[in-house]
Amino acid sequence: MFEFRRYKIKQGNKQVRHPKLIVDETDAEYGFLGLTSRKQKGKRHNNFPLFINPKLTKNGSHFTEESYLRKKVEYDKKTKFGSPLPGYALSEIDKMRIRDFIKDKLGKK
């Protein structure tokens, strides 16, 4: 779990470009959160801030730009996702925070 994958669909007229973080899995679907650089979605919906940007540079260090995850866990068929993306790695502190966050969202223990 907690791997980044490319979402292979269009949203509106645009191809989805931001990676998705897989946070849940069923037999046929992945549950995911979108990765973004925006602090808010709309006017009143704050995104979940990450302490360390998961995108890695060519030398293996993390990018310094702020990054966020959308707060809504969405589900879609596994066939709509690519293989795990190289160049993305969550920090251990963010993994712990995300685990706590999705426990509340998904009602899992």
Protein backbone atom coordinates (compact mmCIF):
# COMPACT_ATOMS: atom_id res chain seq x y z
CA MET A 1 0.00 0.00 0.00
CA PHE A 2 0.97 3.66 -0.23
CA GLU A 3 2.31 3.52 -3.75
CA PHE A 4 1.88 6.18 -6.38
CA ARG A 5 0.34 5.22 -9.72
CA ARG A 6 -0.65 7.13 -12.84
CA TYR A 7 -4.42 7.34 -13.34
CA LYS A 8 -5.15 6.58 -16.98
CA ILE A 9 -8.32 8.56 -17.61
CA LYS A 10 -9.42 12.02 -18.65
CA GLN A 11 -11.18 14.35 -16.25
CA GLY A 12 -13.16 16.84 -18.29
CA ASN A 13 -11.14 17.64 -21.40
CA LYS A 14 -7.76 17.08 -19.76
CA GLN A 15 -5.65 13.99 -19.26
CA VAL A 16 -5.04 13.44 -15.56
CA ARG A 17 -1.41 14.33 -14.83
CA HIS A 18 -1.02 14.17 -11.07
CA PRO A 19 -0.15 10.79 -9.58
CA LYS A 20 -2.61 9.09 -7.26
CA LEU A 21 -1.64 7.56 -3.92
CA ILE A 22 -3.16 4.11 -3.48
CA VAL A 23 -4.52 3.83 0.08
CA ASP A 24 -6.98 0.94 -0.18
CA GLU A 25 -7.55 -2.10 -2.37
CA THR A 26 -10.46 -4.40 -3.08
CA ASP A 27 -10.58 -7.33 -5.50
CA ALA A 28 -11.35 -5.10 -8.48
CA GLU A 29 -10.64 -1.53 -7.37
CA TYR A 30 -8.07 0.78 -5.82
CA GLY A 31 -8.95 3.46 -3.29
CA PHE A 32 -6.83 6.54 -3.93
CA LEU A 33 -6.06 10.11 -2.94
CA GLY A 34 -4.92 12.67 -5.49
CA LEU A 35 -1.54 14.37 -5.09
CA THR A 36 -1.52 18.13 -5.70
CA SER A 37 0.48 21.27 -5.08
CA ARG A 38 -2.60 23.28 -4.14
CA LYS A 39 -3.40 24.05 -0.52
CA GLN A 40 -7.15 24.09 -1.11
CA LYS A 41 -9.74 22.50 -3.32
CA GLY A 42 -12.23 25.24 -4.03
CA LYS A 43 -12.70 28.03 -1.53
CA ARG A 44 -13.30 26.18 1.73
CA HIS A 45 -11.82 22.71 1.40
CA ASN A 46 -8.26 22.41 2.65
CA ASN A 47 -6.18 19.54 1.30
CA PHE A 48 -4.13 17.27 3.56
CA PRO A 49 -0.59 18.75 3.85
CA LEU A 50 2.45 16.52 3.52
CA PHE A 51 5.59 17.35 5.52
CA ILE A 52 7.89 16.14 2.74
CA ASN A 53 7.14 16.25 -0.97
CA PRO A 54 7.04 12.61 -2.18
CA LYS A 55 8.46 13.44 -5.62
CA LEU A 56 12.15 12.62 -5.87
CA THR A 57 14.81 14.42 -7.88
CA LYS A 58 17.25 12.52 -10.10
CA ASN A 59 19.78 12.37 -7.25
CA GLY A 60 17.19 10.85 -4.87
CA SER A 61 16.40 13.86 -2.70
CA HIS A 62 12.87 15.18 -2.30
CA PHE A 63 11.57 18.24 -4.13
CA THR A 64 11.14 21.24 -1.82
CA GLU A 65 7.78 22.50 -3.13
CA GLU A 66 4.81 21.98 -0.84
CA SER A 67 2.54 19.07 -1.65
CA TYR A 68 -0.87 17.98 -0.50
CA LEU A 69 -3.28 15.08 -0.82
CA ARG A 70 -6.96 15.46 -1.57
CA LYS A 71 -9.08 14.51 1.42
CA LYS A 72 -11.63 12.43 -0.48
CA VAL A 73 -10.85 8.73 -0.96
CA GLU A 74 -12.10 7.76 -4.41
CA TYR A 75 -12.35 4.29 -5.96
CA ASP A 76 -11.92 3.11 -9.52
CA LYS A 77 -11.14 -0.10 -11.40
CA LYS A 78 -7.57 -1.39 -11.18
CA THR A 79 -7.37 -1.47 -14.97
CA LYS A 80 -7.46 2.34 -15.03
CA PHE A 81 -4.13 2.59 -13.21
CA GLY A 82 -0.61 2.14 -14.48
CA SER A 83 2.22 0.34 -12.71
CA PRO A 84 3.78 1.90 -9.58
CA LEU A 85 5.62 5.11 -10.42
CA PRO A 86 9.35 5.30 -9.81
CA GLY A 87 10.52 8.59 -8.39
CA TYR A 88 7.88 8.91 -5.69
CA ALA A 89 8.35 7.90 -2.05
CA LEU A 90 6.43 8.89 1.06
CA SER A 91 8.41 9.81 4.15
CA GLU A 92 7.85 7.65 7.23
CA ILE A 93 6.29 10.56 9.14
CA ASP A 94 3.80 11.18 6.32
CA LYS A 95 2.97 7.45 6.16
CA MET A 96 2.04 7.49 9.85
CA ARG A 97 -0.08 10.62 9.45
CA ILE A 98 -1.84 9.24 6.38
CA ARG A 99 -2.57 5.94 8.16
CA ASP A 100 -4.30 7.85 10.95
CA PHE A 101 -6.14 10.04 8.45
CA ILE A 102 -7.49 7.16 6.35
CA LYS A 103 -8.47 5.15 9.45
CA ASP A 104 -10.97 7.91 10.15
CA LYS A 105 -12.02 8.23 6.50
CA LEU A 106 -12.42 4.53 5.80
CA GLY A 107 -13.37 3.38 9.29
CA LYS A 108 -10.55 0.82 9.31
CA LYS A 109 -8.44 -0.41 12.19
